[in-house]
Amino acid sequence: QALALAGRLPEARARYAAVARLGAADARLAWAAAAAARQAGDAAGAVRALDRALALEPDFPELHHERGLALKAAGDARGAEAAYRRAAALNPGFADAWNNLGNILGASGRLAGAEAAQRRALRLAPGSAAARQNLALTLVRLKRAAEARRIMEGGAP
């Protein structure tokens, strides 16, 4: 992942392939490989790796969440939504799953659902700047600017 973040994408992809081979029977290694692939720009490869990992551990919420990120990067919003929903169902305390679910819902214009998911994310992780900002942006889209301002100033969700 560090290679991808440093912009060294060819090296990141090569390392991803090596990790994927090593992690063929280990869901956690496959998860790491998938995250590296997604960050290196190989969303389809990440989805494939995550599908293999989920075959090993179908009730692993972080795998579903990572699959949502990869599907979103691949342009499959509907699939990403389903993956985030599954991650949140498996672990109702998974703030990032709720936050990303809210983002997907908001992007498709389902603002009431976005608000509910983002409020839940912020209640679960009150220190999350991303959850706070995403909820505020949704509130602005709902024409509730004063409430959005209160949220950005640290108000309770």
Protein backbone atom coordinates (compact mmCIF):
# COMPACT_ATOMS: atom_id res chain seq x y z
CA GLN A 1 0.00 0.00 0.00
CA ALA A 2 2.86 2.34 0.77
CA LEU A 3 4.20 1.88 -2.76
CA ALA A 4 0.83 2.80 -4.26
CA LEU A 5 0.50 5.84 -2.02
CA ALA A 6 4.01 6.91 -3.05
CA GLY A 7 2.94 6.74 -6.70
CA ARG A 8 5.08 3.68 -7.43
CA LEU A 9 2.23 1.84 -9.14
CA PRO A 10 4.17 -0.74 -11.19
CA GLU A 11 6.00 -1.88 -8.03
CA ALA A 12 2.77 -1.85 -6.04
CA ARG A 13 1.06 -4.05 -8.64
CA ALA A 14 3.98 -6.51 -8.63
CA ARG A 15 3.92 -6.71 -4.85
CA TYR A 16 0.17 -7.10 -4.95
CA ALA A 17 0.50 -10.07 -7.29
CA ALA A 18 3.09 -11.69 -5.02
CA VAL A 19 0.94 -11.16 -1.92
CA ALA A 20 -2.12 -12.48 -3.74
CA ARG A 21 -0.26 -15.69 -4.58
CA LEU A 22 0.89 -16.09 -0.98
CA GLY A 23 -2.54 -15.30 0.39
CA ALA A 24 -4.51 -17.68 -1.78
CA ALA A 25 -5.81 -19.54 1.30
CA ASP A 26 -5.69 -16.67 3.81
CA ALA A 27 -8.51 -14.13 3.81
CA ARG A 28 -6.49 -11.49 5.69
CA LEU A 29 -3.61 -11.64 3.21
CA ALA A 30 -6.09 -11.52 0.35
CA TRP A 31 -7.66 -8.45 1.99
CA ALA A 32 -4.28 -6.71 2.15
CA ALA A 33 -3.56 -7.67 -1.45
CA ALA A 34 -6.94 -6.37 -2.55
CA ALA A 35 -6.43 -3.06 -0.77
CA ALA A 36 -3.04 -2.68 -2.45
CA ALA A 37 -4.56 -3.51 -5.84
CA ARG A 38 -7.36 -0.98 -5.39
CA GLN A 39 -4.93 1.73 -4.31
CA ALA A 40 -2.73 0.91 -7.31
CA GLY A 41 -5.72 1.48 -9.58
CA ASP A 42 -6.62 -2.18 -10.22
CA ALA A 43 -10.20 -2.17 -8.94
CA ALA A 44 -11.16 -5.26 -10.95
CA GLY A 45 -8.20 -7.19 -9.53
CA ALA A 46 -9.17 -6.07 -6.05
CA VAL A 47 -12.73 -7.31 -6.52
CA ARG A 48 -11.44 -10.68 -7.74
CA ALA A 49 -9.12 -11.01 -4.73
CA LEU A 50 -11.93 -10.04 -2.36
CA ASP A 51 -14.31 -12.52 -3.92
CA ARG A 52 -11.72 -15.25 -3.26
CA ALA A 53 -11.25 -14.03 0.31
CA LEU A 54 -15.00 -13.91 0.91
CA ALA A 55 -15.27 -17.50 -0.27
CA LEU A 56 -12.96 -18.34 2.66
CA GLU A 57 -14.57 -16.01 5.24
CA PRO A 58 -18.02 -14.85 4.10
CA ASP A 59 -18.85 -13.15 7.40
CA PHE A 60 -15.76 -10.90 7.60
CA PRO A 61 -17.17 -7.33 7.60
CA GLU A 62 -13.90 -5.64 6.62
CA LEU A 63 -13.73 -7.77 3.45
CA HIS A 64 -17.22 -6.63 2.46
CA HIS A 65 -16.27 -3.02 3.17
CA GLU A 66 -13.09 -3.26 1.10
CA ARG A 67 -15.14 -4.91 -1.66
CA GLY A 68 -17.47 -1.88 -1.54
CA LEU A 69 -14.51 0.45 -1.97
CA ALA A 70 -13.23 -1.62 -4.90
CA LEU A 71 -16.65 -1.83 -6.55
CA LYS A 72 -17.11 1.93 -6.18
CA ALA A 73 -13.68 2.47 -7.76
CA ALA A 74 -14.77 0.15 -10.60
CA GLY A 75 -17.91 2.25 -11.15
CA ASP A 76 -20.38 -0.26 -9.68
CA ALA A 77 -22.33 1.89 -7.21
CA ARG A 78 -25.12 -0.67 -6.77
CA GLY A 79 -22.61 -3.41 -5.92
CA ALA A 80 -20.75 -1.06 -3.58
CA GLU A 81 -23.97 -0.24 -1.77
CA ALA A 82 -24.74 -3.92 -1.26
CA ALA A 83 -21.22 -4.54 0.04
CA TYR A 84 -21.41 -1.63 2.52
CA ARG A 85 -24.82 -2.81 3.70
CA ARG A 86 -23.45 -6.32 4.27
CA ALA A 87 -20.45 -4.96 6.20
CA ALA A 88 -22.74 -2.86 8.41
CA ALA A 89 -25.12 -5.78 8.96
CA LEU A 90 -22.25 -8.03 10.03
CA ASN A 91 -20.82 -5.35 12.33
CA PRO A 92 -23.38 -2.68 13.27
CA GLY A 93 -20.60 -0.73 15.01
CA PHE A 94 -18.52 -0.38 11.81
CA ALA A 95 -18.54 3.41 11.36
CA ASP A 96 -16.70 3.44 8.03
CA ALA A 97 -19.25 1.04 6.52
CA TRP A 98 -22.10 3.36 7.58
CA ASN A 99 -20.25 6.45 6.35
CA ASN A 100 -19.52 4.95 2.93
CA LEU A 101 -23.06 3.62 2.67
CA GLY A 102 -24.27 7.17 3.32
CA ASN A 103 -21.96 8.50 0.62
CA ILE A 104 -23.25 6.00 -1.96
CA LEU A 105 -26.87 6.75 -1.05
CA GLY A 106 -26.23 10.48 -1.26
CA ALA A 107 -24.53 10.15 -4.64
CA SER A 108 -27.68 8.50 -6.00
CA GLY A 109 -29.93 11.21 -4.54
CA ARG A 110 -31.31 9.13 -1.67
CA LEU A 111 -30.61 11.87 0.84
CA ALA A 112 -32.82 10.66 3.71
CA GLY A 113 -31.02 7.31 3.70
CA ALA A 114 -27.67 9.07 3.37
CA GLU A 115 -28.44 11.26 6.37
CA ALA A 116 -29.48 8.29 8.52
CA ALA A 117 -26.36 6.29 7.63
CA GLN A 118 -24.04 9.26 8.13
CA ARG A 119 -25.62 10.16 11.47
CA ARG A 120 -25.07 6.59 12.60
CA ALA A 121 -21.43 6.75 11.45
CA LEU A 122 -20.88 9.98 13.37
CA ARG A 123 -22.52 8.58 16.52
CA LEU A 124 -20.21 5.56 16.29
CA ALA A 125 -17.11 7.65 15.59
CA PRO A 126 -17.70 11.19 16.91
CA GLY A 127 -14.08 12.14 16.21
CA SER A 128 -14.28 11.24 12.52
CA ALA A 129 -13.77 14.37 10.46
CA ALA A 130 -14.89 12.50 7.33
CA ALA A 131 -18.18 11.37 8.90
CA ARG A 132 -18.82 14.87 10.23
CA GLN A 133 -18.10 16.51 6.87
CA ASN A 134 -20.16 13.98 4.91
CA LEU A 135 -23.18 14.45 7.17
CA ALA A 136 -22.84 18.23 6.90
CA LEU A 137 -22.69 18.05 3.10
CA THR A 138 -25.82 15.90 3.04
CA LEU A 139 -27.60 18.36 5.31
CA VAL A 140 -26.65 21.22 2.98
CA ARG A 141 -28.11 19.25 0.06
CA LEU A 142 -31.27 18.85 2.17
CA LYS A 143 -31.32 22.67 2.54
CA ARG A 144 -30.57 22.49 6.28
CA ALA A 145 -27.51 24.73 6.34
CA ALA A 146 -27.87 25.82 9.97
CA GLU A 147 -27.87 22.20 11.11
CA ALA A 148 -24.90 21.46 8.84
CA ARG A 149 -23.01 24.36 10.42
CA ARG A 150 -23.78 23.03 13.92
CA ILE A 151 -22.48 19.59 12.94
CA MET A 152 -19.28 21.08 11.47
CA GLU A 153 -18.77 23.05 14.67
CA GLY A 154 -18.74 19.81 16.64
CA GLY A 155 -22.41 19.46 17.51
CA ALA A 156 -23.86 16.05 18.29
CA PRO A 157 -25.37 14.11 15.41
